[in-house]
Amino acid sequence: YGDSMYSYLRRYRMNVAATMLRQDSKKGIAEI
């Protein structure tokens, strides 16, 4: 996967969060 498990999973979480921030404006930051 080209990165350590910790760094990969951290980046994966942030990319999922970014998608949610773009697609669901009603969902709060704390909820995401």
ModelCIF file with pLDDT and N, C-alpha, C, O atoms, coordinates in Angstrom:
data_MODEL
#
_entry.id   MODEL 
#
_entity.id                         1 
_entity.type                       polymer 
_entity.pdbx_number_of_molecules   1 
#
_entity_poly.entity_id                      1 
_entity_poly.type                           'polypeptide(L)' 
_entity_poly.nstd_linkage                   no 
_entity_poly.nstd_monomer                   no 
_entity_poly.pdbx_seq_one_letter_code       YGDSMYSYLRRYRMNVAATMLRQDSKKGIAEI 
_entity_poly.pdbx_seq_one_letter_code_can   YGDSMYSYLRRYRMNVAATMLRQDSKKGIAEI 
_entity_poly.pdbx_strand_id                 A 
#
loop_
_entity_poly_seq.entity_id 
_entity_poly_seq.num 
_entity_poly_seq.mon_id 
_entity_poly_seq.hetero 
1 1  TYR n 
1 2  GLY n 
1 3  ASP n 
1 4  SER n 
1 5  MET n 
1 6  TYR n 
1 7  SER n 
1 8  TYR n 
1 9  LEU n 
1 10 ARG n 
1 11 ARG n 
1 12 TYR n 
1 13 ARG n 
1 14 MET n 
1 15 ASN n 
1 16 VAL n 
1 17 ALA n 
1 18 ALA n 
1 19 THR n 
1 20 MET n 
1 21 LEU n 
1 22 ARG n 
1 23 GLN n 
1 24 ASP n 
1 25 SER n 
1 26 LYS n 
1 27 LYS n 
1 28 GLY n 
1 29 ILE n 
1 30 ALA n 
1 31 GLU n 
1 32 ILE n 
#
_struct_asym.id          A 
_struct_asym.entity_id   1 
#
loop_
_ma_qa_metric.id 
_ma_qa_metric.mode 
_ma_qa_metric.name 
_ma_qa_metric.software_group_id 
_ma_qa_metric.type 
1 global pLDDT . pLDDT 
2 local  pLDDT . pLDDT 
#
_ma_qa_metric_global.metric_id      1 
_ma_qa_metric_global.metric_value   94.22 
_ma_qa_metric_global.model_id       1 
_ma_qa_metric_global.ordinal_id     1 
#
loop_
_ma_qa_metric_local.label_asym_id 
_ma_qa_metric_local.label_comp_id 
_ma_qa_metric_local.label_seq_id 
_ma_qa_metric_local.metric_id 
_ma_qa_metric_local.metric_value 
_ma_qa_metric_local.model_id 
_ma_qa_metric_local.ordinal_id 
A TYR 1  2 93.00 1 1  
A GLY 2  2 92.00 1 2  
A ASP 3  2 94.00 1 3  
A SER 4  2 95.00 1 4  
A MET 5  2 96.00 1 5  
A TYR 6  2 95.00 1 6  
A SER 7  2 96.00 1 7  
A TYR 8  2 96.00 1 8  
A LEU 9  2 97.00 1 9  
A ARG 10 2 97.00 1 10 
A ARG 11 2 96.00 1 11 
A TYR 12 2 96.00 1 12 
A ARG 13 2 97.00 1 13 
A MET 14 2 96.00 1 14 
A ASN 15 2 95.00 1 15 
A VAL 16 2 96.00 1 16 
A ALA 17 2 96.00 1 17 
A ALA 18 2 94.00 1 18 
A THR 19 2 93.00 1 19 
A MET 20 2 94.00 1 20 
A LEU 21 2 94.00 1 21 
A ARG 22 2 92.00 1 22 
A GLN 23 2 90.00 1 23 
A ASP 24 2 88.00 1 24 
A SER 25 2 86.00 1 25 
A LYS 26 2 90.00 1 26 
A LYS 27 2 92.00 1 27 
A GLY 28 2 95.00 1 28 
A ILE 29 2 95.00 1 29 
A ALA 30 2 96.00 1 30 
A GLU 31 2 96.00 1 31 
A ILE 32 2 97.00 1 32 
#
loop_
_atom_site.group_PDB 
_atom_site.id 
_atom_site.type_symbol 
_atom_site.label_atom_id 
_atom_site.label_alt_id 
_atom_site.label_comp_id 
_atom_site.label_asym_id 
_atom_site.label_entity_id 
_atom_site.label_seq_id 
_atom_site.pdbx_PDB_ins_code 
_atom_site.Cartn_x 
_atom_site.Cartn_y 
_atom_site.Cartn_z 
_atom_site.occupancy 
_atom_site.B_iso_or_equiv 
_atom_site.pdbx_formal_charge 
_atom_site.auth_seq_id 
_atom_site.auth_comp_id 
_atom_site.auth_asym_id 
_atom_site.auth_atom_id 
_atom_site.pdbx_PDB_model_num 
ATOM 1   N N  . TYR A 1 1  ? 0.799   -1.229 0.000  1.00 93.00 ? 1  TYR A N  1 
ATOM 2   C CA . TYR A 1 1  ? 0.000   0.000  0.000  1.00 93.00 ? 1  TYR A CA 1 
ATOM 3   C C  . TYR A 1 1  ? 0.830   1.276  0.000  1.00 93.00 ? 1  TYR A C  1 
ATOM 4   O O  . TYR A 1 1  ? 0.277   2.376  0.001  1.00 93.00 ? 1  TYR A O  1 
ATOM 5   N N  . GLY A 1 2  ? 2.148   1.138  -0.001 1.00 92.00 ? 2  GLY A N  1 
ATOM 6   C CA . GLY A 1 2  ? 3.011   2.307  -0.191 1.00 92.00 ? 2  GLY A CA 1 
ATOM 7   C C  . GLY A 1 2  ? 3.222   3.177  1.021  1.00 92.00 ? 2  GLY A C  1 
ATOM 8   O O  . GLY A 1 2  ? 3.824   4.245  0.909  1.00 92.00 ? 2  GLY A O  1 
ATOM 9   N N  . ASP A 1 3  ? 2.746   2.756  2.175  1.00 94.00 ? 3  ASP A N  1 
ATOM 10  C CA . ASP A 1 3  ? 2.918   3.562  3.384  1.00 94.00 ? 3  ASP A CA 1 
ATOM 11  C C  . ASP A 1 3  ? 2.759   2.657  4.597  1.00 94.00 ? 3  ASP A C  1 
ATOM 12  O O  . ASP A 1 3  ? 2.244   1.544  4.498  1.00 94.00 ? 3  ASP A O  1 
ATOM 13  N N  . SER A 1 4  ? 3.213   3.158  5.748  1.00 95.00 ? 4  SER A N  1 
ATOM 14  C CA . SER A 1 4  ? 3.025   2.383  6.975  1.00 95.00 ? 4  SER A CA 1 
ATOM 15  C C  . SER A 1 4  ? 1.536   2.258  7.257  1.00 95.00 ? 4  SER A C  1 
ATOM 16  O O  . SER A 1 4  ? 0.739   3.069  6.785  1.00 95.00 ? 4  SER A O  1 
ATOM 17  N N  . MET A 1 5  ? 1.164   1.248  8.021  1.00 96.00 ? 5  MET A N  1 
ATOM 18  C CA . MET A 1 5  ? -0.245  1.025  8.321  1.00 96.00 ? 5  MET A CA 1 
ATOM 19  C C  . MET A 1 5  ? -0.854  2.230  9.032  1.00 96.00 ? 5  MET A C  1 
ATOM 20  O O  . MET A 1 5  ? -1.987  2.615  8.745  1.00 96.00 ? 5  MET A O  1 
ATOM 21  N N  . TYR A 1 6  ? -0.107  2.824  9.953  1.00 95.00 ? 6  TYR A N  1 
ATOM 22  C CA . TYR A 1 6  ? -0.617  3.970  10.702 1.00 95.00 ? 6  TYR A CA 1 
ATOM 23  C C  . TYR A 1 6  ? -0.876  5.156  9.767  1.00 95.00 ? 6  TYR A C  1 
ATOM 24  O O  . TYR A 1 6  ? -1.950  5.757  9.801  1.00 95.00 ? 6  TYR A O  1 
ATOM 25  N N  . SER A 1 7  ? 0.116   5.487  8.932  1.00 96.00 ? 7  SER A N  1 
ATOM 26  C CA . SER A 1 7  ? -0.028  6.643  8.037  1.00 96.00 ? 7  SER A CA 1 
ATOM 27  C C  . SER A 1 7  ? -1.104  6.396  6.992  1.00 96.00 ? 7  SER A C  1 
ATOM 28  O O  . SER A 1 7  ? -1.872  7.297  6.655  1.00 96.00 ? 7  SER A O  1 
ATOM 29  N N  . TYR A 1 8  ? -1.156  5.173  6.482  1.00 96.00 ? 8  TYR A N  1 
ATOM 30  C CA . TYR A 1 8  ? -2.161  4.847  5.469  1.00 96.00 ? 8  TYR A CA 1 
ATOM 31  C C  . TYR A 1 8  ? -3.568  4.994  6.039  1.00 96.00 ? 8  TYR A C  1 
ATOM 32  O O  . TYR A 1 8  ? -4.431  5.625  5.428  1.00 96.00 ? 8  TYR A O  1 
ATOM 33  N N  . LEU A 1 9  ? -3.792  4.406  7.214  1.00 97.00 ? 9  LEU A N  1 
ATOM 34  C CA . LEU A 1 9  ? -5.127  4.450  7.809  1.00 97.00 ? 9  LEU A CA 1 
ATOM 35  C C  . LEU A 1 9  ? -5.511  5.872  8.198  1.00 97.00 ? 9  LEU A C  1 
ATOM 36  O O  . LEU A 1 9  ? -6.676  6.253  8.088  1.00 97.00 ? 9  LEU A O  1 
ATOM 37  N N  . ARG A 1 10 ? -4.557  6.640  8.643  1.00 97.00 ? 10 ARG A N  1 
ATOM 38  C CA . ARG A 1 10 ? -4.820  8.046  8.997  1.00 97.00 ? 10 ARG A CA 1 
ATOM 39  C C  . ARG A 1 10 ? -5.251  8.818  7.756  1.00 97.00 ? 10 ARG A C  1 
ATOM 40  O O  . ARG A 1 10 ? -6.227  9.566  7.800  1.00 97.00 ? 10 ARG A O  1 
ATOM 41  N N  . ARG A 1 11 ? -4.541  8.644  6.668  1.00 96.00 ? 11 ARG A N  1 
ATOM 42  C CA . ARG A 1 11 ? -4.898  9.324  5.424  1.00 96.00 ? 11 ARG A CA 1 
ATOM 43  C C  . ARG A 1 11 ? -6.241  8.829  4.897  1.00 96.00 ? 11 ARG A C  1 
ATOM 44  O O  . ARG A 1 11 ? -7.034  9.609  4.371  1.00 96.00 ? 11 ARG A O  1 
ATOM 45  N N  . TYR A 1 12 ? -6.491  7.531  5.042  1.00 96.00 ? 12 TYR A N  1 
ATOM 46  C CA . TYR A 1 12 ? -7.759  6.957  4.602  1.00 96.00 ? 12 TYR A CA 1 
ATOM 47  C C  . TYR A 1 12 ? -8.921  7.577  5.376  1.00 96.00 ? 12 TYR A C  1 
ATOM 48  O O  . TYR A 1 12 ? -9.942  7.933  4.787  1.00 96.00 ? 12 TYR A O  1 
ATOM 49  N N  . ARG A 1 13 ? -8.768  7.705  6.690  1.00 97.00 ? 13 ARG A N  1 
ATOM 50  C CA . ARG A 1 13 ? -9.813  8.319  7.518  1.00 97.00 ? 13 ARG A CA 1 
ATOM 51  C C  . ARG A 1 13 ? -10.085 9.761  7.071  1.00 97.00 ? 13 ARG A C  1 
ATOM 52  O O  . ARG A 1 13 ? -11.239 10.181 6.981  1.00 97.00 ? 13 ARG A O  1 
ATOM 53  N N  . MET A 1 14 ? -9.021  10.508 6.795  1.00 96.00 ? 14 MET A N  1 
ATOM 54  C CA . MET A 1 14 ? -9.186  11.907 6.418  1.00 96.00 ? 14 MET A CA 1 
ATOM 55  C C  . MET A 1 14 ? -9.851  12.049 5.051  1.00 96.00 ? 14 MET A C  1 
ATOM 56  O O  . MET A 1 14 ? -10.631 12.975 4.828  1.00 96.00 ? 14 MET A O  1 
ATOM 57  N N  . ASN A 1 15 ? -9.541  11.133 4.139  1.00 95.00 ? 15 ASN A N  1 
ATOM 58  C CA . ASN A 1 15 ? -10.179 11.176 2.823  1.00 95.00 ? 15 ASN A CA 1 
ATOM 59  C C  . ASN A 1 15 ? -11.669 10.857 2.921  1.00 95.00 ? 15 ASN A C  1 
ATOM 60  O O  . ASN A 1 15 ? -12.485 11.461 2.223  1.00 95.00 ? 15 ASN A O  1 
ATOM 61  N N  . VAL A 1 16 ? -12.019 9.912  3.783  1.00 96.00 ? 16 VAL A N  1 
ATOM 62  C CA . VAL A 1 16 ? -13.437 9.608  4.012  1.00 96.00 ? 16 VAL A CA 1 
ATOM 63  C C  . VAL A 1 16 ? -14.134 10.826 4.628  1.00 96.00 ? 16 VAL A C  1 
ATOM 64  O O  . VAL A 1 16 ? -15.247 11.182 4.239  1.00 96.00 ? 16 VAL A O  1 
ATOM 65  N N  . ALA A 1 17 ? -13.461 11.454 5.592  1.00 96.00 ? 17 ALA A N  1 
ATOM 66  C CA . ALA A 1 17 ? -14.026 12.647 6.230  1.00 96.00 ? 17 ALA A CA 1 
ATOM 67  C C  . ALA A 1 17 ? -14.209 13.776 5.211  1.00 96.00 ? 17 ALA A C  1 
ATOM 68  O O  . ALA A 1 17 ? -15.215 14.484 5.239  1.00 96.00 ? 17 ALA A O  1 
ATOM 69  N N  . ALA A 1 18 ? -13.240 13.940 4.319  1.00 94.00 ? 18 ALA A N  1 
ATOM 70  C CA . ALA A 1 18 ? -13.328 14.986 3.295  1.00 94.00 ? 18 ALA A CA 1 
ATOM 71  C C  . ALA A 1 18 ? -14.525 14.753 2.386  1.00 94.00 ? 18 ALA A C  1 
ATOM 72  O O  . ALA A 1 18 ? -15.221 15.696 2.012  1.00 94.00 ? 18 ALA A O  1 
ATOM 73  N N  . THR A 1 19 ? -14.762 13.498 2.034  1.00 93.00 ? 19 THR A N  1 
ATOM 74  C CA . THR A 1 19 ? -15.921 13.167 1.198  1.00 93.00 ? 19 THR A CA 1 
ATOM 75  C C  . THR A 1 19 ? -17.221 13.516 1.915  1.00 93.00 ? 19 THR A C  1 
ATOM 76  O O  . THR A 1 19 ? -18.146 14.055 1.307  1.00 93.00 ? 19 THR A O  1 
ATOM 77  N N  . MET A 1 20 ? -17.287 13.212 3.199  1.00 94.00 ? 20 MET A N  1 
ATOM 78  C CA . MET A 1 20 ? -18.481 13.529 3.978  1.00 94.00 ? 20 MET A CA 1 
ATOM 79  C C  . MET A 1 20 ? -18.677 15.034 4.106  1.00 94.00 ? 20 MET A C  1 
ATOM 80  O O  . MET A 1 20 ? -19.806 15.521 4.052  1.00 94.00 ? 20 MET A O  1 
ATOM 81  N N  . LEU A 1 21 ? -17.596 15.763 4.273  1.00 94.00 ? 21 LEU A N  1 
ATOM 82  C CA . LEU A 1 21 ? -17.684 17.223 4.370  1.00 94.00 ? 21 LEU A CA 1 
ATOM 83  C C  . LEU A 1 21 ? -18.222 17.827 3.078  1.00 94.00 ? 21 LEU A C  1 
ATOM 84  O O  . LEU A 1 21 ? -18.938 18.828 3.099  1.00 94.00 ? 21 LEU A O  1 
ATOM 85  N N  . ARG A 1 22 ? -17.869 17.208 1.952  1.00 92.00 ? 22 ARG A N  1 
ATOM 86  C CA . ARG A 1 22 ? -18.330 17.710 0.657  1.00 92.00 ? 22 ARG A CA 1 
ATOM 87  C C  . ARG A 1 22 ? -19.784 17.331 0.382  1.00 92.00 ? 22 ARG A C  1 
ATOM 88  O O  . ARG A 1 22 ? -20.549 18.132 -0.155 1.00 92.00 ? 22 ARG A O  1 
ATOM 89  N N  . GLN A 1 23 ? -20.158 16.110 0.751  1.00 90.00 ? 23 GLN A N  1 
ATOM 90  C CA . GLN A 1 23 ? -21.439 15.576 0.311  1.00 90.00 ? 23 GLN A CA 1 
ATOM 91  C C  . GLN A 1 23 ? -22.587 15.769 1.300  1.00 90.00 ? 23 GLN A C  1 
ATOM 92  O O  . GLN A 1 23 ? -23.753 15.717 0.909  1.00 90.00 ? 23 GLN A O  1 
ATOM 93  N N  . ASP A 1 24 ? -22.270 15.990 2.574  1.00 88.00 ? 24 ASP A N  1 
ATOM 94  C CA . ASP A 1 24 ? -23.336 16.112 3.578  1.00 88.00 ? 24 ASP A CA 1 
ATOM 95  C C  . ASP A 1 24 ? -23.111 17.366 4.413  1.00 88.00 ? 24 ASP A C  1 
ATOM 96  O O  . ASP A 1 24 ? -22.440 17.326 5.444  1.00 88.00 ? 24 ASP A O  1 
ATOM 97  N N  . SER A 1 25 ? -23.672 18.467 3.964  1.00 86.00 ? 25 SER A N  1 
ATOM 98  C CA . SER A 1 25 ? -23.470 19.750 4.645  1.00 86.00 ? 25 SER A CA 1 
ATOM 99  C C  . SER A 1 25 ? -24.197 19.816 5.988  1.00 86.00 ? 25 SER A C  1 
ATOM 100 O O  . SER A 1 25 ? -23.887 20.669 6.819  1.00 86.00 ? 25 SER A O  1 
ATOM 101 N N  . LYS A 1 26 ? -25.170 18.912 6.205  1.00 90.00 ? 26 LYS A N  1 
ATOM 102 C CA . LYS A 1 26 ? -25.924 18.931 7.459  1.00 90.00 ? 26 LYS A CA 1 
ATOM 103 C C  . LYS A 1 26 ? -25.197 18.210 8.586  1.00 90.00 ? 26 LYS A C  1 
ATOM 104 O O  . LYS A 1 26 ? -25.519 18.403 9.758  1.00 90.00 ? 26 LYS A O  1 
ATOM 105 N N  . LYS A 1 27 ? -24.236 17.396 8.243  1.00 92.00 ? 27 LYS A N  1 
ATOM 106 C CA . LYS A 1 27 ? -23.509 16.630 9.255  1.00 92.00 ? 27 LYS A CA 1 
ATOM 107 C C  . LYS A 1 27 ? -22.432 17.507 9.886  1.00 92.00 ? 27 LYS A C  1 
ATOM 108 O O  . LYS A 1 27 ? -21.619 18.098 9.175  1.00 92.00 ? 27 LYS A O  1 
ATOM 109 N N  . GLY A 1 28 ? -22.421 17.595 11.206 1.00 95.00 ? 28 GLY A N  1 
ATOM 110 C CA . GLY A 1 28 ? -21.469 18.443 11.917 1.00 95.00 ? 28 GLY A CA 1 
ATOM 111 C C  . GLY A 1 28 ? -20.069 17.865 11.945 1.00 95.00 ? 28 GLY A C  1 
ATOM 112 O O  . GLY A 1 28 ? -19.864 16.676 11.697 1.00 95.00 ? 28 GLY A O  1 
ATOM 113 N N  . ILE A 1 29 ? -19.103 18.732 12.254 1.00 95.00 ? 29 ILE A N  1 
ATOM 114 C CA . ILE A 1 29 ? -17.698 18.320 12.286 1.00 95.00 ? 29 ILE A CA 1 
ATOM 115 C C  . ILE A 1 29 ? -17.475 17.237 13.345 1.00 95.00 ? 29 ILE A C  1 
ATOM 116 O O  . ILE A 1 29 ? -16.788 16.247 13.093 1.00 95.00 ? 29 ILE A O  1 
ATOM 117 N N  . ALA A 1 30 ? -18.059 17.430 14.525 1.00 96.00 ? 30 ALA A N  1 
ATOM 118 C CA . ALA A 1 30 ? -17.885 16.459 15.609 1.00 96.00 ? 30 ALA A CA 1 
ATOM 119 C C  . ALA A 1 30 ? -18.467 15.103 15.221 1.00 96.00 ? 30 ALA A C  1 
ATOM 120 O O  . ALA A 1 30 ? -17.895 14.065 15.555 1.00 96.00 ? 30 ALA A O  1 
ATOM 121 N N  . GLU A 1 31 ? -19.592 15.105 14.523 1.00 96.00 ? 31 GLU A N  1 
ATOM 122 C CA . GLU A 1 31 ? -20.216 13.852 14.102 1.00 96.00 ? 31 GLU A CA 1 
ATOM 123 C C  . GLU A 1 31 ? -19.347 13.124 13.087 1.00 96.00 ? 31 GLU A C  1 
ATOM 124 O O  . GLU A 1 31 ? -19.182 11.906 13.151 1.00 96.00 ? 31 GLU A O  1 
ATOM 125 N N  . ILE A 1 32 ? -18.798 13.881 12.158 1.00 97.00 ? 32 ILE A N  1 
ATOM 126 C CA . ILE A 1 32 ? -17.904 13.289 11.150 1.00 97.00 ? 32 ILE A CA 1 
ATOM 127 C C  . ILE A 1 32 ? -16.660 12.730 11.821 1.00 97.00 ? 32 ILE A C  1 
ATOM 128 O O  . ILE A 1 32 ? -15.784 12.189 11.146 1.00 97.00 ? 32 ILE A O  1 
#
